[in-house]
Amino acid sequence: MTELDPRQHLLSSRRYLRDASGTVVSQPVSFTEEAAEQRENLSGRLDDARVTITGTEALASAALLKEFAARLRHDLAHGAASSGAEELAQVTSDLAERMANAGGLVD
């Protein structure tokens, strides 16, 4: 089992895999891995979603995502996060923009 390092791993998620003997092992998820996975998930269009949320929910989600991206970048600038945090911050910012647009907030 790899130790969790909050400077480079998510605190909210772990991956559970089977090792060569079939034993389930827990591994932390890096910012870079999460960014790549979410970019893949978001490669489709926003209207491909099967869930509907209100404009207010979209705007509230966008605000929270913007704050999360800002905090990742703050931690990166102060050495409290690894360089992979920037990739995750960018994915988060991109999603925040999509949510803001879906909520009716357009530049």
PDB file of N, CA and C in Angstrom:
ATOM      1  N   MET A   1       0.843  -1.174   0.000  1.00  0.00           N
ATOM      2  CA  MET A   1       0.000   0.000   0.000  1.00  0.00           C
ATOM      3  C   MET A   1       0.894   1.245   0.000  1.00  0.00           C
ATOM      4  N   THR A   2       0.625   2.148  -0.917  1.00  0.00           N
ATOM      5  CA  THR A   2       1.361   3.404  -0.996  1.00  0.00           C
ATOM      6  C   THR A   2       0.787   4.389   0.007  1.00  0.00           C
ATOM      7  N   GLU A   3       1.666   5.082   0.705  1.00  0.00           N
ATOM      8  CA  GLU A   3       1.221   6.071   1.694  1.00  0.00           C
ATOM      9  C   GLU A   3       0.641   7.302   1.013  1.00  0.00           C
ATOM     10  N   LEU A   4      -0.382   7.845   1.609  1.00  0.00           N
ATOM     11  CA  LEU A   4      -1.016   9.050   1.114  1.00  0.00           C
ATOM     12  C   LEU A   4      -0.153  10.264   1.465  1.00  0.00           C
ATOM     13  N   ASP A   5       0.140  11.078   0.465  1.00  0.00           N
ATOM     14  CA  ASP A   5       0.862  12.330   0.658  1.00  0.00           C
ATOM     15  C   ASP A   5      -0.089  13.443   0.220  1.00  0.00           C
ATOM     16  N   PRO A   6      -0.644  14.224   1.145  1.00  0.00           N
ATOM     17  CA  PRO A   6      -1.636  15.228   0.788  1.00  0.00           C
ATOM     18  C   PRO A   6      -1.119  16.317  -0.148  1.00  0.00           C
ATOM     19  N   ARG A   7       0.203  16.397  -0.337  1.00  0.00           N
ATOM     20  CA  ARG A   7       0.749  17.363  -1.291  1.00  0.00           C
ATOM     21  C   ARG A   7       0.580  16.888  -2.721  1.00  0.00           C
ATOM     22  N   GLN A   8       0.355  15.574  -2.905  1.00  0.00           N
ATOM     23  CA  GLN A   8       0.239  15.064  -4.272  1.00  0.00           C
ATOM     24  C   GLN A   8      -0.927  14.102  -4.501  1.00  0.00           C
ATOM     25  N   HIS A   9      -1.679  13.784  -3.445  1.00  0.00           N
ATOM     26  CA  HIS A   9      -2.800  12.851  -3.580  1.00  0.00           C
ATOM     27  C   HIS A   9      -4.117  13.471  -3.116  1.00  0.00           C
ATOM     28  N   LEU A  10      -5.199  12.966  -3.693  1.00  0.00           N
ATOM     29  CA  LEU A  10      -6.530  13.360  -3.234  1.00  0.00           C
ATOM     30  C   LEU A  10      -6.737  12.852  -1.817  1.00  0.00           C
ATOM     31  N   LEU A  11      -7.443  13.602  -1.024  1.00  0.00           N
ATOM     32  CA  LEU A  11      -7.797  13.150   0.323  1.00  0.00           C
ATOM     33  C   LEU A  11      -9.123  12.390   0.309  1.00  0.00           C
ATOM     34  N   SER A  12      -9.922  12.615  -0.728  1.00  0.00           N
ATOM     35  CA  SER A  12     -11.288  12.099  -0.758  1.00  0.00           C
ATOM     36  C   SER A  12     -11.446  10.746  -1.437  1.00  0.00           C
ATOM     37  N   SER A  13     -10.432  10.268  -2.143  1.00  0.00           N
ATOM     38  CA  SER A  13     -10.589   9.045  -2.938  1.00  0.00           C
ATOM     39  C   SER A  13      -9.358   8.158  -2.871  1.00  0.00           C
ATOM     40  N   ARG A  14      -9.595   6.874  -3.010  1.00  0.00           N
ATOM     41  CA  ARG A  14      -8.530   5.877  -3.147  1.00  0.00           C
ATOM     42  C   ARG A  14      -8.961   4.905  -4.230  1.00  0.00           C
ATOM     43  N   ARG A  15      -8.005   4.241  -4.836  1.00  0.00           N
ATOM     44  CA  ARG A  15      -8.299   3.191  -5.819  1.00  0.00           C
ATOM     45  C   ARG A  15      -8.093   1.848  -5.137  1.00  0.00           C
ATOM     46  N   TYR A  16      -8.976   0.933  -5.421  1.00  0.00           N
ATOM     47  CA  TYR A  16      -8.868  -0.411  -4.864  1.00  0.00           C
ATOM     48  C   TYR A  16      -8.622  -1.366  -6.012  1.00  0.00           C
ATOM     49  N   LEU A  17      -7.464  -2.014  -5.964  1.00  0.00           N
ATOM     50  CA  LEU A  17      -7.016  -2.909  -7.026  1.00  0.00           C
ATOM     51  C   LEU A  17      -6.646  -4.257  -6.426  1.00  0.00           C
ATOM     52  N   ARG A  18      -6.523  -5.250  -7.270  1.00  0.00           N
ATOM     53  CA  ARG A  18      -6.064  -6.565  -6.821  1.00  0.00           C
ATOM     54  C   ARG A  18      -4.596  -6.719  -7.209  1.00  0.00           C
ATOM     55  N   ASP A  19      -3.795  -7.192  -6.263  1.00  0.00           N
ATOM     56  CA  ASP A  19      -2.395  -7.440  -6.580  1.00  0.00           C
ATOM     57  C   ASP A  19      -2.272  -8.810  -7.235  1.00  0.00           C
ATOM     58  N   ALA A  20      -1.051  -9.248  -7.504  1.00  0.00           N
ATOM     59  CA  ALA A  20      -0.812 -10.509  -8.212  1.00  0.00           C
ATOM     60  C   ALA A  20      -1.416 -11.709  -7.490  1.00  0.00           C
ATOM     61  N   SER A  21      -1.522 -11.633  -6.167  1.00  0.00           N
ATOM     62  CA  SER A  21      -2.080 -12.759  -5.406  1.00  0.00           C
ATOM     63  C   SER A  21      -3.602 -12.686  -5.301  1.00  0.00           C
ATOM     64  N   GLY A  22      -4.204 -11.611  -5.842  1.00  0.00           N
ATOM     65  CA  GLY A  22      -5.645 -11.456  -5.779  1.00  0.00           C
ATOM     66  C   GLY A  22      -6.131 -10.683  -4.563  1.00  0.00           C
ATOM     67  N   THR A  23      -5.210 -10.246  -3.723  1.00  0.00           N
ATOM     68  CA  THR A  23      -5.559  -9.466  -2.543  1.00  0.00           C
ATOM     69  C   THR A  23      -5.903  -8.041  -2.948  1.00  0.00           C
ATOM     70  N   VAL A  24      -6.972  -7.502  -2.384  1.00  0.00           N
ATOM     71  CA  VAL A  24      -7.360  -6.123  -2.670  1.00  0.00           C
ATOM     72  C   VAL A  24      -6.419  -5.181  -1.926  1.00  0.00           C
ATOM     73  N   VAL A  25      -5.843  -4.243  -2.670  1.00  0.00           N
ATOM     74  CA  VAL A  25      -4.955  -3.247  -2.081  1.00  0.00           C
ATOM     75  C   VAL A  25      -5.500  -1.856  -2.386  1.00  0.00           C
ATOM     76  N   SER A  26      -5.241  -0.965  -1.466  1.00  0.00           N
ATOM     77  CA  SER A  26      -5.706   0.407  -1.578  1.00  0.00           C
ATOM     78  C   SER A  26      -4.540   1.291  -1.998  1.00  0.00           C
ATOM     79  N   GLN A  27      -4.768   2.145  -2.995  1.00  0.00           N
ATOM     80  CA  GLN A  27      -3.727   3.055  -3.439  1.00  0.00           C
ATOM     81  C   GLN A  27      -4.289   4.470  -3.523  1.00  0.00           C
ATOM     82  N   PRO A  28      -3.503   5.468  -3.107  1.00  0.00           N
ATOM     83  CA  PRO A  28      -3.964   6.841  -3.230  1.00  0.00           C
ATOM     84  C   PRO A  28      -4.018   7.259  -4.700  1.00  0.00           C
ATOM     85  N   VAL A  29      -4.828   8.266  -4.987  1.00  0.00           N
ATOM     86  CA  VAL A  29      -4.988   8.791  -6.343  1.00  0.00           C
ATOM     87  C   VAL A  29      -4.259  10.132  -6.411  1.00  0.00           C
ATOM     88  N   SER A  30      -3.332  10.247  -7.358  1.00  0.00           N
ATOM     89  CA  SER A  30      -2.580  11.505  -7.481  1.00  0.00           C
ATOM     90  C   SER A  30      -3.429  12.560  -8.183  1.00  0.00           C
ATOM     91  N   PHE A  31      -3.056  13.822  -7.993  1.00  0.00           N
ATOM     92  CA  PHE A  31      -3.733  14.917  -8.687  1.00  0.00           C
ATOM     93  C   PHE A  31      -3.678  14.692 -10.198  1.00  0.00           C
ATOM     94  N   THR A  32      -2.506  14.276 -10.691  1.00  0.00           N
ATOM     95  CA  THR A  32      -2.326  14.061 -12.126  1.00  0.00           C
ATOM     96  C   THR A  32      -3.233  12.955 -12.640  1.00  0.00           C
ATOM     97  N   GLU A  33      -3.333  11.842 -11.899  1.00  0.00           N
ATOM     98  CA  GLU A  33      -4.210  10.741 -12.302  1.00  0.00           C
ATOM     99  C   GLU A  33      -5.669  11.191 -12.331  1.00  0.00           C
ATOM    100  N   GLU A  34      -6.081  11.930 -11.310  1.00  0.00           N
ATOM    101  CA  GLU A  34      -7.468  12.400 -11.247  1.00  0.00           C
ATOM    102  C   GLU A  34      -7.760  13.378 -12.378  1.00  0.00           C
ATOM    103  N   ALA A  35      -6.822  14.263 -12.669  1.00  0.00           N
ATOM    104  CA  ALA A  35      -7.010  15.217 -13.759  1.00  0.00           C
ATOM    105  C   ALA A  35      -7.195  14.486 -15.085  1.00  0.00           C
ATOM    106  N   ALA A  36      -6.358  13.499 -15.353  1.00  0.00           N
ATOM    107  CA  ALA A  36      -6.460  12.736 -16.605  1.00  0.00           C
ATOM    108  C   ALA A  36      -7.794  11.990 -16.685  1.00  0.00           C
ATOM    109  N   GLU A  37      -8.189  11.375 -15.588  1.00  0.00           N
ATOM    110  CA  GLU A  37      -9.450  10.629 -15.575  1.00  0.00           C
ATOM    111  C   GLU A  37     -10.644  11.555 -15.804  1.00  0.00           C
ATOM    112  N   GLN A  38     -10.633  12.715 -15.151  1.00  0.00           N
ATOM    113  CA  GLN A  38     -11.759  13.634 -15.306  1.00  0.00           C
ATOM    114  C   GLN A  38     -11.767  14.294 -16.679  1.00  0.00           C
ATOM    115  N   ARG A  39     -10.598  14.574 -17.242  1.00  0.00           N
ATOM    116  CA  ARG A  39     -10.560  15.088 -18.623  1.00  0.00           C
ATOM    117  C   ARG A  39     -11.204  14.092 -19.572  1.00  0.00           C
ATOM    118  N   GLU A  40     -10.889  12.829 -19.372  1.00  0.00           N
ATOM    119  CA  GLU A  40     -11.489  11.765 -20.199  1.00  0.00           C
ATOM    120  C   GLU A  40     -13.004  11.746 -20.014  1.00  0.00           C
ATOM    121  N   ASN A  41     -13.446  11.819 -18.765  1.00  0.00           N
ATOM    122  CA  ASN A  41     -14.885  11.816 -18.486  1.00  0.00           C
ATOM    123  C   ASN A  41     -15.592  13.009 -19.109  1.00  0.00           C
ATOM    124  N   LEU A  42     -14.919  14.147 -19.148  1.00  0.00           N
ATOM    125  CA  LEU A  42     -15.527  15.384 -19.632  1.00  0.00           C
ATOM    126  C   LEU A  42     -15.314  15.625 -21.118  1.00  0.00           C
ATOM    127  N   SER A  43     -14.710  14.682 -21.809  1.00  0.00           N
ATOM    128  CA  SER A  43     -14.414  14.893 -23.227  1.00  0.00           C
ATOM    129  C   SER A  43     -15.675  14.961 -24.081  1.00  0.00           C
ATOM    130  N   GLY A  44     -16.802  14.471 -23.549  1.00  0.00           N
ATOM    131  CA  GLY A  44     -18.071  14.601 -24.260  1.00  0.00           C
ATOM    132  C   GLY A  44     -18.664  15.966 -24.028  1.00  0.00           C
ATOM    133  N   ARG A  45     -19.757  16.242 -24.688  1.00  0.00           N
ATOM    134  CA  ARG A  45     -20.427  17.530 -24.508  1.00  0.00           C
ATOM    135  C   ARG A  45     -21.228  17.525 -23.218  1.00  0.00           C
ATOM    136  N   LEU A  46     -21.405  18.704 -22.609  1.00  0.00           N
ATOM    137  CA  LEU A  46     -22.138  18.833 -21.355  1.00  0.00           C
ATOM    138  C   LEU A  46     -23.578  18.365 -21.505  1.00  0.00           C
ATOM    139  N   ASP A  47     -24.187  18.585 -22.681  1.00  0.00           N
ATOM    140  CA  ASP A  47     -25.582  18.194 -22.854  1.00  0.00           C
ATOM    141  C   ASP A  47     -25.750  16.690 -23.045  1.00  0.00           C
ATOM    142  N   ASP A  48     -24.635  15.938 -23.038  1.00  0.00           N
ATOM    143  CA  ASP A  48     -24.716  14.479 -23.093  1.00  0.00           C
ATOM    144  C   ASP A  48     -25.159  13.898 -21.751  1.00  0.00           C
ATOM    145  N   ALA A  49     -25.188  14.723 -20.723  1.00  0.00           N
ATOM    146  CA  ALA A  49     -25.512  14.254 -19.375  1.00  0.00           C
ATOM    147  C   ALA A  49     -26.951  13.759 -19.313  1.00  0.00           C
ATOM    148  N   ARG A  50     -27.194  12.800 -18.455  1.00  0.00           N
ATOM    149  CA  ARG A  50     -28.534  12.262 -18.274  1.00  0.00           C
ATOM    150  C   ARG A  50     -29.193  12.818 -17.027  1.00  0.00           C
ATOM    151  N   VAL A  51     -28.494  13.677 -16.328  1.00  0.00           N
ATOM    152  CA  VAL A  51     -29.008  14.267 -15.099  1.00  0.00           C
ATOM    153  C   VAL A  51     -29.265  15.746 -15.364  1.00  0.00           C
ATOM    154  N   THR A  52     -30.353  16.233 -14.836  1.00  0.00           N
ATOM    155  CA  THR A  52     -30.670  17.642 -14.989  1.00  0.00           C
ATOM    156  C   THR A  52     -30.536  18.327 -13.642  1.00  0.00           C
ATOM    157  N   ILE A  53     -29.876  19.486 -13.653  1.00  0.00           N
ATOM    158  CA  ILE A  53     -29.804  20.301 -12.446  1.00  0.00           C
ATOM    159  C   ILE A  53     -30.336  21.679 -12.803  1.00  0.00           C
ATOM    160  N   THR A  54     -30.748  22.404 -11.813  1.00  0.00           N
ATOM    161  CA  THR A  54     -31.268  23.744 -12.056  1.00  0.00           C
ATOM    162  C   THR A  54     -30.125  24.708 -12.357  1.00  0.00           C
ATOM    163  N   GLY A  55     -30.467  25.860 -12.914  1.00  0.00           N
ATOM    164  CA  GLY A  55     -29.469  26.887 -13.167  1.00  0.00           C
ATOM    165  C   GLY A  55     -28.796  27.332 -11.886  1.00  0.00           C
ATOM    166  N   THR A  56     -29.582  27.446 -10.820  1.00  0.00           N
ATOM    167  CA  THR A  56     -29.022  27.847  -9.524  1.00  0.00           C
ATOM    168  C   THR A  56     -28.032  26.802  -9.014  1.00  0.00           C
ATOM    169  N   GLU A  57     -28.348  25.531  -9.157  1.00  0.00           N
ATOM    170  CA  GLU A  57     -27.425  24.465  -8.744  1.00  0.00           C
ATOM    171  C   GLU A  57     -26.146  24.503  -9.576  1.00  0.00           C
ATOM    172  N   ALA A  58     -26.279  24.774 -10.874  1.00  0.00           N
ATOM    173  CA  ALA A  58     -25.106  24.859 -11.743  1.00  0.00           C
ATOM    174  C   ALA A  58     -24.211  26.017 -11.329  1.00  0.00           C
ATOM    175  N   LEU A  59     -24.823  27.163 -11.022  1.00  0.00           N
ATOM    176  CA  LEU A  59     -24.037  28.327 -10.621  1.00  0.00           C
ATOM    177  C   LEU A  59     -23.373  28.120  -9.259  1.00  0.00           C
ATOM    178  N   ALA A  60     -24.085  27.496  -8.326  1.00  0.00           N
ATOM    179  CA  ALA A  60     -23.499  27.201  -7.010  1.00  0.00           C
ATOM    180  C   ALA A  60     -22.338  26.219  -7.172  1.00  0.00           C
ATOM    181  N   SER A  61     -22.509  25.216  -8.002  1.00  0.00           N
ATOM    182  CA  SER A  61     -21.436  24.248  -8.265  1.00  0.00           C
ATOM    183  C   SER A  61     -20.239  24.942  -8.891  1.00  0.00           C
ATOM    184  N   ALA A  62     -20.490  25.844  -9.835  1.00  0.00           N
ATOM    185  CA  ALA A  62     -19.403  26.582 -10.484  1.00  0.00           C
ATOM    186  C   ALA A  62     -18.621  27.391  -9.461  1.00  0.00           C
ATOM    187  N   ALA A  63     -19.312  28.045  -8.542  1.00  0.00           N
ATOM    188  CA  ALA A  63     -18.632  28.848  -7.518  1.00  0.00           C
ATOM    189  C   ALA A  63     -17.751  27.975  -6.630  1.00  0.00           C
ATOM    190  N   LEU A  64     -18.253  26.815  -6.238  1.00  0.00           N
ATOM    191  CA  LEU A  64     -17.465  25.911  -5.396  1.00  0.00           C
ATOM    192  C   LEU A  64     -16.254  25.364  -6.157  1.00  0.00           C
ATOM    193  N   LEU A  65     -16.446  25.042  -7.422  1.00  0.00           N
ATOM    194  CA  LEU A  65     -15.333  24.551  -8.235  1.00  0.00           C
ATOM    195  C   LEU A  65     -14.262  25.622  -8.421  1.00  0.00           C
ATOM    196  N   LYS A  66     -14.684  26.870  -8.630  1.00  0.00           N
ATOM    197  CA  LYS A  66     -13.712  27.968  -8.750  1.00  0.00           C
ATOM    198  C   LYS A  66     -12.888  28.097  -7.471  1.00  0.00           C
ATOM    199  N   GLU A  67     -13.546  27.991  -6.333  1.00  0.00           N
ATOM    200  CA  GLU A  67     -12.838  28.090  -5.058  1.00  0.00           C
ATOM    201  C   GLU A  67     -11.847  26.934  -4.899  1.00  0.00           C
ATOM    202  N   PHE A  68     -12.265  25.735  -5.256  1.00  0.00           N
ATOM    203  CA  PHE A  68     -11.382  24.573  -5.161  1.00  0.00           C
ATOM    204  C   PHE A  68     -10.144  24.771  -6.046  1.00  0.00           C
ATOM    205  N   ALA A  69     -10.352  25.246  -7.284  1.00  0.00           N
ATOM    206  CA  ALA A  69      -9.227  25.485  -8.193  1.00  0.00           C
ATOM    207  C   ALA A  69      -8.284  26.538  -7.606  1.00  0.00           C
ATOM    208  N   ALA A  70      -8.850  27.602  -7.048  1.00  0.00           N
ATOM    209  CA  ALA A  70      -8.029  28.656  -6.452  1.00  0.00           C
ATOM    210  C   ALA A  70      -7.220  28.119  -5.272  1.00  0.00           C
ATOM    211  N   ARG A  71      -7.821  27.266  -4.461  1.00  0.00           N
ATOM    212  CA  ARG A  71      -7.109  26.703  -3.320  1.00  0.00           C
ATOM    213  C   ARG A  71      -5.993  25.752  -3.768  1.00  0.00           C
ATOM    214  N   LEU A  72      -6.245  24.970  -4.816  1.00  0.00           N
ATOM    215  CA  LEU A  72      -5.185  24.114  -5.354  1.00  0.00           C
ATOM    216  C   LEU A  72      -4.008  24.963  -5.820  1.00  0.00           C
ATOM    217  N   ARG A  73      -4.313  26.039  -6.535  1.00  0.00           N
ATOM    218  CA  ARG A  73      -3.242  26.903  -7.045  1.00  0.00           C
ATOM    219  C   ARG A  73      -2.516  27.617  -5.905  1.00  0.00           C
ATOM    220  N   HIS A  74      -3.240  28.007  -4.882  1.00  0.00           N
ATOM    221  CA  HIS A  74      -2.611  28.631  -3.717  1.00  0.00           C
ATOM    222  C   HIS A  74      -1.639  27.643  -3.069  1.00  0.00           C
ATOM    223  N   ASP A  75      -2.095  26.427  -2.852  1.00  0.00           N
ATOM    224  CA  ASP A  75      -1.239  25.413  -2.240  1.00  0.00           C
ATOM    225  C   ASP A  75      -0.019  25.128  -3.114  1.00  0.00           C
ATOM    226  N   LEU A  76      -0.216  25.098  -4.416  1.00  0.00           N
ATOM    227  CA  LEU A  76       0.896  24.871  -5.338  1.00  0.00           C
ATOM    228  C   LEU A  76       1.919  26.002  -5.215  1.00  0.00           C
ATOM    229  N   ALA A  77       1.442  27.229  -5.181  1.00  0.00           N
ATOM    230  CA  ALA A  77       2.337  28.385  -5.088  1.00  0.00           C
ATOM    231  C   ALA A  77       3.111  28.436  -3.771  1.00  0.00           C
ATOM    232  N   HIS A  78       2.547  27.820  -2.735  1.00  0.00           N
ATOM    233  CA  HIS A  78       3.185  27.846  -1.419  1.00  0.00           C
ATOM    234  C   HIS A  78       3.850  26.521  -1.048  1.00  0.00           C
ATOM    235  N   GLY A  79       4.038  25.658  -2.038  1.00  0.00           N
ATOM    236  CA  GLY A  79       4.748  24.408  -1.805  1.00  0.00           C
ATOM    237  C   GLY A  79       3.966  23.355  -1.038  1.00  0.00           C
ATOM    238  N   ALA A  80       2.668  23.575  -0.880  1.00  0.00           N
ATOM    239  CA  ALA A  80       1.850  22.620  -0.128  1.00  0.00           C
ATOM    240  C   ALA A  80       1.197  21.585  -1.040  1.00  0.00           C
ATOM    241  N   ALA A  81       1.449  21.666  -2.346  1.00  0.00           N
ATOM    242  CA  ALA A  81       0.909  20.693  -3.305  1.00  0.00           C
ATOM    243  C   ALA A  81       1.948  20.475  -4.393  1.00  0.00           C
ATOM    244  N   SER A  82       1.906  19.294  -4.986  1.00  0.00           N
ATOM    245  CA  SER A  82       2.836  18.968  -6.067  1.00  0.00           C
ATOM    246  C   SER A  82       2.387  19.631  -7.362  1.00  0.00           C
ATOM    247  N   SER A  83       3.239  19.584  -8.368  1.00  0.00           N
ATOM    248  CA  SER A  83       2.937  20.224  -9.652  1.00  0.00           C
ATOM    249  C   SER A  83       1.698  19.632 -10.319  1.00  0.00           C
ATOM    250  N   GLY A  84       1.344  18.389  -9.981  1.00  0.00           N
ATOM    251  CA  GLY A  84       0.127  17.778 -10.531  1.00  0.00           C
ATOM    252  C   GLY A  84      -1.134  18.515 -10.129  1.00  0.00           C
ATOM    253  N   ALA A  85      -1.050  19.325  -9.078  1.00  0.00           N
ATOM    254  CA  ALA A  85      -2.215  20.097  -8.632  1.00  0.00           C
ATOM    255  C   ALA A  85      -2.661  21.081  -9.698  1.00  0.00           C
ATOM    256  N   GLU A  86      -1.730  21.596 -10.487  1.00  0.00           N
ATOM    257  CA  GLU A  86      -2.109  22.551 -11.542  1.00  0.00           C
ATOM    258  C   GLU A  86      -2.984  21.883 -12.593  1.00  0.00           C
ATOM    259  N   GLU A  87      -2.668  20.645 -12.945  1.00  0.00           N
ATOM    260  CA  GLU A  87      -3.499  19.924 -13.919  1.00  0.00           C
ATOM    261  C   GLU A  87      -4.923  19.754 -13.400  1.00  0.00           C
ATOM    262  N   LEU A  88      -5.042  19.379 -12.132  1.00  0.00           N
ATOM    263  CA  LEU A  88      -6.367  19.200 -11.542  1.00  0.00           C
ATOM    264  C   LEU A  88      -7.078  20.543 -11.410  1.00  0.00           C
ATOM    265  N   ALA A  89      -6.345  21.603 -11.076  1.00  0.00           N
ATOM    266  CA  ALA A  89      -6.938  22.938 -10.989  1.00  0.00           C
ATOM    267  C   ALA A  89      -7.475  23.370 -12.348  1.00  0.00           C
ATOM    268  N   GLN A  90      -6.767  23.053 -13.419  1.00  0.00           N
ATOM    269  CA  GLN A  90      -7.224  23.442 -14.757  1.00  0.00           C
ATOM    270  C   GLN A  90      -8.489  22.682 -15.151  1.00  0.00           C
ATOM    271  N   VAL A  91      -8.525  21.384 -14.874  1.00  0.00           N
ATOM    272  CA  VAL A  91      -9.742  20.602 -15.150  1.00  0.00           C
ATOM    273  C   VAL A  91     -10.910  21.183 -14.359  1.00  0.00           C
ATOM    274  N   THR A  92     -10.656  21.535 -13.094  1.00  0.00           N
ATOM    275  CA  THR A  92     -11.687  22.095 -12.232  1.00  0.00           C
ATOM    276  C   THR A  92     -12.167  23.442 -12.766  1.00  0.00           C
ATOM    277  N   SER A  93     -11.253  24.287 -13.199  1.00  0.00           N
ATOM    278  CA  SER A  93     -11.624  25.582 -13.772  1.00  0.00           C
ATOM    279  C   SER A  93     -12.439  25.414 -15.049  1.00  0.00           C
ATOM    280  N   ASP A  94     -12.027  24.474 -15.886  1.00  0.00           N
ATOM    281  CA  ASP A  94     -12.776  24.207 -17.120  1.00  0.00           C
ATOM    282  C   ASP A  94     -14.200  23.768 -16.813  1.00  0.00           C
ATOM    283  N   LEU A  95     -14.346  22.881 -15.838  1.00  0.00           N
ATOM    284  CA  LEU A  95     -15.679  22.413 -15.465  1.00  0.00           C
ATOM    285  C   LEU A  95     -16.495  23.546 -14.848  1.00  0.00           C
ATOM    286  N   ALA A  96     -15.852  24.384 -14.044  1.00  0.00           N
ATOM    287  CA  ALA A  96     -16.560  25.532 -13.453  1.00  0.00           C
ATOM    288  C   ALA A  96     -17.120  26.429 -14.551  1.00  0.00           C
ATOM    289  N   GLU A  97     -16.339  26.658 -15.592  1.00  0.00           N
ATOM    290  CA  GLU A  97     -16.810  27.485 -16.705  1.00  0.00           C
ATOM    291  C   GLU A  97     -17.998  26.825 -17.414  1.00  0.00           C
ATOM    292  N   ARG A  98     -17.909  25.530 -17.627  1.00  0.00           N
ATOM    293  CA  ARG A  98     -19.020  24.814 -18.270  1.00  0.00           C
ATOM    294  C   ARG A  98     -20.283  24.886 -17.410  1.00  0.00           C
ATOM    295  N   MET A  99     -20.112  24.742 -16.104  1.00  0.00           N
ATOM    296  CA  MET A  99     -21.263  24.808 -15.189  1.00  0.00           C
ATOM    297  C   MET A  99     -21.849  26.216 -15.175  1.00  0.00           C
ATOM    298  N   ALA A 100     -21.000  27.233 -15.172  1.00  0.00           N
ATOM    299  CA  ALA A 100     -21.484  28.616 -15.175  1.00  0.00           C
ATOM    300  C   ALA A 100     -22.269  28.891 -16.457  1.00  0.00           C
ATOM    301  N   ASN A 101     -21.739  28.405 -17.571  1.00  0.00           N
ATOM    302  CA  ASN A 101     -22.457  28.587 -18.846  1.00  0.00           C
ATOM    303  C   ASN A 101     -23.790  27.841 -18.842  1.00  0.00           C
ATOM    304  N   ALA A 102     -23.803  26.632 -18.303  1.00  0.00           N
ATOM    305  CA  ALA A 102     -25.042  25.850 -18.222  1.00  0.00           C
ATOM    306  C   ALA A 102     -26.051  26.532 -17.308  1.00  0.00           C
ATOM    307  N   GLY A 103     -25.548  27.246 -16.310  1.00  0.00           N
ATOM    308  CA  GLY A 103     -26.431  27.954 -15.386  1.00  0.00           C
ATOM    309  C   GLY A 103     -26.911  29.293 -15.915  1.00  0.00           C
ATOM    310  N   GLY A 104     -26.443  29.664 -17.099  1.00  0.00           N
ATOM    311  CA  GLY A 104     -26.900  30.898 -17.720  1.00  0.00           C
ATOM    312  C   GLY A 104     -25.991  32.082 -17.515  1.00  0.00           C
ATOM    313  N   LEU A 105     -24.839  31.867 -16.896  1.00  0.00           N
ATOM    314  CA  LEU A 105     -23.880  32.954 -16.690  1.00  0.00           C
ATOM    315  C   LEU A 105     -22.883  32.915 -17.844  1.00  0.00           C
ATOM    316  N   VAL A 106     -23.011  33.861 -18.740  1.00  0.00           N
ATOM    317  CA  VAL A 106     -22.152  33.890 -19.915  1.00  0.00           C
ATOM    318  C   VAL A 106     -21.328  35.170 -19.927  1.00  0.00           C
ATOM    319  N   ASP A 107     -20.081  35.034 -20.364  1.00  0.00           N
ATOM    320  CA  ASP A 107     -19.195  36.218 -20.435  1.00  0.00           C
ATOM    321  C   ASP A 107     -19.633  37.153 -21.537  1.00  0.00           C
TER     322      ASP A 107
END
